[in-house]
N, C-alpha and C. Protein backbone atom coordinates (compact mmCIF):
# COMPACT_ATOMS: atom_id res chain seq x y z
N MET A 1 -28.58 -40.91 -72.66
CA MET A 1 -28.34 -39.86 -72.05
C MET A 1 -27.97 -40.94 -70.74
N ALA A 2 -26.33 -41.61 -69.80
CA ALA A 2 -26.44 -42.40 -68.70
C ALA A 2 -26.14 -41.84 -67.72
N GLU A 3 -25.67 -40.41 -67.66
CA GLU A 3 -25.53 -40.20 -66.27
C GLU A 3 -26.77 -38.84 -66.01
N ARG A 4 -26.84 -38.19 -65.43
CA ARG A 4 -27.95 -37.65 -64.87
C ARG A 4 -27.67 -36.50 -65.23
N LEU A 5 -28.03 -34.65 -65.76
CA LEU A 5 -27.36 -33.57 -65.65
C LEU A 5 -27.34 -32.97 -64.77
N ALA A 6 -26.74 -31.39 -64.15
CA ALA A 6 -27.00 -30.96 -63.18
C ALA A 6 -27.43 -29.46 -63.74
N LEU A 7 -28.51 -29.52 -62.82
CA LEU A 7 -28.90 -28.07 -63.17
C LEU A 7 -28.84 -27.01 -61.81
N GLU A 8 -27.99 -26.20 -62.17
CA GLU A 8 -28.23 -25.03 -60.66
C GLU A 8 -30.72 -25.06 -60.39
N LYS A 9 -30.49 -24.89 -59.15
CA LYS A 9 -32.27 -24.95 -58.54
C LYS A 9 -32.54 -23.65 -59.05
N LEU A 10 -31.62 -22.27 -58.77
CA LEU A 10 -32.05 -21.47 -59.07
C LEU A 10 -32.73 -20.63 -60.39
N ALA A 11 -31.67 -21.02 -60.77
CA ALA A 11 -32.26 -21.57 -62.60
C ALA A 11 -33.32 -22.53 -63.08
N TYR A 12 -33.21 -23.24 -63.04
CA TYR A 12 -34.30 -24.12 -62.53
C TYR A 12 -35.68 -23.25 -62.00
N LEU A 13 -35.68 -22.73 -60.80
CA LEU A 13 -37.13 -22.00 -60.74
C LEU A 13 -37.40 -21.31 -61.28
N GLU A 14 -36.87 -20.24 -61.94
CA GLU A 14 -36.61 -19.05 -62.92
C GLU A 14 -37.22 -19.55 -63.90
N PHE A 15 -36.46 -20.66 -64.09
CA PHE A 15 -37.50 -21.42 -65.73
C PHE A 15 -38.70 -21.66 -65.52
N LEU A 16 -39.46 -22.17 -63.99
CA LEU A 16 -40.87 -22.23 -63.53
C LEU A 16 -41.39 -21.08 -63.57
N ARG A 17 -40.55 -20.42 -62.64
CA ARG A 17 -41.45 -19.00 -62.63
C ARG A 17 -41.43 -18.39 -63.97
N LEU A 18 -41.39 -18.67 -65.01
CA LEU A 18 -41.54 -17.77 -66.62
C LEU A 18 -42.08 -18.61 -67.53
N LEU A 19 -42.51 -19.87 -66.56
CA LEU A 19 -43.42 -21.55 -67.36
C LEU A 19 -45.00 -20.51 -66.79
N GLU A 20 -44.75 -20.31 -65.58
CA GLU A 20 -46.07 -19.53 -65.18
C GLU A 20 -46.63 -18.79 -65.50
N ALA A 21 -45.52 -17.70 -65.64
CA ALA A 21 -46.08 -16.50 -65.93
C ALA A 21 -46.77 -16.80 -67.62
N SER A 22 -46.99 -17.42 -68.50
CA SER A 22 -46.93 -17.99 -70.14
C SER A 22 -45.77 -16.80 -70.65
N HIS A 23 -45.43 -16.75 -70.01
CA HIS A 23 -43.65 -16.96 -70.94
C HIS A 23 -43.06 -17.51 -72.30
N PHE A 24 -43.75 -18.74 -72.00
CA PHE A 24 -43.10 -19.94 -73.20
C PHE A 24 -44.74 -19.99 -73.92
N GLU A 25 -45.44 -19.60 -73.76
CA GLU A 25 -47.01 -19.49 -74.11
C GLU A 25 -47.23 -20.42 -75.01
N SER A 26 -46.32 -19.83 -76.38
CA SER A 26 -46.51 -20.62 -77.80
C SER A 26 -45.70 -22.41 -77.76
N GLN A 27 -45.15 -22.48 -77.08
CA GLN A 27 -44.28 -23.92 -76.31
C GLN A 27 -44.74 -25.09 -75.62
N ARG A 28 -44.23 -25.85 -76.35
CA ARG A 28 -44.58 -27.20 -74.95
C ARG A 28 -43.66 -26.97 -73.77
N THR A 29 -43.82 -27.27 -72.40
CA THR A 29 -43.18 -26.88 -71.72
C THR A 29 -41.53 -27.50 -72.19
N GLY A 30 -42.15 -29.43 -72.52
CA GLY A 30 -40.11 -29.51 -72.77
C GLY A 30 -39.65 -28.15 -74.21
N GLN A 31 -40.52 -28.07 -74.67
CA GLN A 31 -39.46 -27.41 -75.79
C GLN A 31 -38.91 -26.32 -74.93
N ALA A 32 -39.58 -25.36 -74.33
CA ALA A 32 -39.49 -24.42 -73.80
C ALA A 32 -38.00 -24.26 -73.22
N PHE A 33 -38.13 -25.40 -71.78
CA PHE A 33 -37.25 -26.20 -71.01
C PHE A 33 -35.94 -26.01 -71.94
N TYR A 34 -36.75 -26.78 -73.12
CA TYR A 34 -34.95 -27.38 -74.34
C TYR A 34 -34.43 -26.12 -75.02
N ASN A 35 -35.28 -25.57 -75.18
CA ASN A 35 -35.03 -23.81 -76.03
C ASN A 35 -34.39 -22.32 -74.28
N HIS A 36 -34.73 -22.90 -73.60
CA HIS A 36 -34.54 -21.59 -72.79
C HIS A 36 -33.56 -22.42 -71.72
N PHE A 37 -32.44 -23.83 -71.91
CA PHE A 37 -31.23 -23.96 -71.39
C PHE A 37 -30.88 -23.95 -72.51
N ASP A 38 -30.39 -23.77 -73.68
CA ASP A 38 -29.92 -24.52 -74.75
C ASP A 38 -29.32 -25.36 -75.49
N LEU A 39 -30.73 -26.77 -74.95
CA LEU A 39 -30.27 -27.87 -74.92
C LEU A 39 -29.25 -28.39 -76.12
N HIS A 40 -29.54 -27.37 -77.13
CA HIS A 40 -29.19 -28.28 -78.71
C HIS A 40 -27.47 -28.44 -78.76
N ARG A 41 -26.40 -27.56 -78.06
CA ARG A 41 -25.77 -27.33 -77.15
C ARG A 41 -24.94 -28.86 -77.28
N LEU A 42 -25.81 -29.68 -76.83
CA LEU A 42 -25.55 -31.09 -75.56
C LEU A 42 -25.59 -31.79 -77.09
N SER A 43 -24.39 -33.09 -77.07
CA SER A 43 -24.78 -33.87 -77.98
C SER A 43 -25.78 -34.97 -78.28
N ASP A 44 -25.58 -35.44 -76.74
CA ASP A 44 -27.04 -36.27 -77.02
C ASP A 44 -28.04 -35.87 -77.25
N GLN A 45 -28.19 -36.19 -78.84
CA GLN A 45 -30.07 -35.19 -78.56
C GLN A 45 -31.11 -36.44 -79.06
N GLN A 46 -30.90 -37.57 -78.96
CA GLN A 46 -31.46 -38.50 -78.85
C GLN A 46 -32.21 -38.39 -77.25
N ALA A 47 -31.50 -38.19 -76.80
CA ALA A 47 -32.37 -39.00 -75.03
C ALA A 47 -32.63 -37.71 -74.94
N LEU A 48 -32.34 -36.45 -75.31
CA LEU A 48 -33.32 -35.29 -74.98
C LEU A 48 -34.68 -34.86 -76.32
N ALA A 49 -35.13 -36.35 -77.49
CA ALA A 49 -35.97 -35.26 -77.93
C ALA A 49 -37.40 -36.72 -77.43
N GLY A 50 -37.36 -37.51 -76.47
CA GLY A 50 -38.69 -36.98 -75.86
C GLY A 50 -38.59 -35.99 -74.57
N LEU A 51 -38.40 -35.16 -74.69
CA LEU A 51 -38.08 -33.63 -73.33
C LEU A 51 -38.70 -33.22 -74.43
N TYR A 52 -37.84 -33.04 -75.54
CA TYR A 52 -38.49 -32.23 -76.11
C TYR A 52 -39.41 -32.04 -76.74
N ALA A 53 -40.21 -33.30 -77.06
CA ALA A 53 -41.74 -33.05 -77.12
C ALA A 53 -43.11 -33.49 -75.85
N ALA A 54 -42.61 -33.55 -75.02
CA ALA A 54 -42.98 -33.72 -73.99
C ALA A 54 -43.90 -31.64 -73.71
N ASP A 55 -45.27 -32.53 -72.75
CA ASP A 55 -45.75 -30.93 -72.46
C ASP A 55 -45.96 -30.85 -70.72
N GLY A 56 -46.86 -30.13 -70.53
CA GLY A 56 -47.39 -30.01 -68.62
C GLY A 56 -46.52 -31.28 -68.07
N ARG A 57 -47.05 -31.14 -67.13
CA ARG A 57 -46.66 -32.30 -66.37
C ARG A 57 -45.59 -33.63 -66.39
N GLN A 58 -46.08 -34.78 -68.00
CA GLN A 58 -44.94 -35.20 -68.46
C GLN A 58 -43.43 -34.81 -68.45
N ALA A 59 -43.62 -33.51 -68.92
CA ALA A 59 -42.40 -33.13 -68.63
C ALA A 59 -41.89 -32.17 -67.77
N ILE A 60 -42.57 -32.28 -66.93
CA ILE A 60 -41.79 -32.02 -65.70
C ILE A 60 -41.64 -33.25 -64.93
N LYS A 61 -42.04 -34.07 -64.99
CA LYS A 61 -41.60 -35.12 -64.76
C LYS A 61 -40.30 -35.52 -64.98
N LEU A 62 -40.14 -35.82 -66.38
CA LEU A 62 -38.66 -35.98 -67.08
C LEU A 62 -37.17 -35.11 -66.82
N ILE A 63 -37.77 -33.77 -67.02
CA ILE A 63 -37.11 -32.95 -66.19
C ILE A 63 -36.36 -33.22 -64.94
N GLU A 64 -37.57 -33.94 -64.47
CA GLU A 64 -36.45 -34.10 -62.87
C GLU A 64 -36.06 -35.36 -62.69
N CYS A 65 -36.39 -36.43 -63.88
CA CYS A 65 -35.88 -37.93 -63.75
C CYS A 65 -33.96 -37.95 -64.92
N MET A 66 -33.88 -36.30 -65.40
CA MET A 66 -32.62 -36.24 -66.34
C MET A 66 -31.89 -35.34 -65.81
N PHE A 67 -31.93 -34.87 -64.74
CA PHE A 67 -31.80 -33.15 -64.17
C PHE A 67 -31.75 -33.81 -63.01
N ASP A 68 -29.99 -33.32 -62.83
CA ASP A 68 -29.99 -33.37 -60.74
C ASP A 68 -29.93 -32.29 -60.30
N ILE A 69 -31.03 -31.60 -60.29
CA ILE A 69 -31.17 -29.42 -59.66
C ILE A 69 -30.79 -29.16 -58.72
N GLU A 70 -29.51 -29.00 -57.96
CA GLU A 70 -29.34 -28.46 -57.31
C GLU A 70 -28.45 -26.86 -56.09
C-alpha cells in the first residue's frame, strides 16, 4: 500500500466508540476494523494482513499509520 487511504474522522470515532463499548469483543482490534470498514473490497490485501492480525494499541498504531483520518 504505497499511499495512505483516507478515512472520515467521524467514521473512525464511531468505530472507536463501538470498540470501547465491546461491540467487537470476539474480534481482535485490527480484525474488527477490517470487518467494520469492509476492507476485503480493497485490492491490496497483502498490506492489510498485518492490520487484520493486530490487536490493541498495535492495531491502533497501524491504523493511524496506514490511513489519513480526516
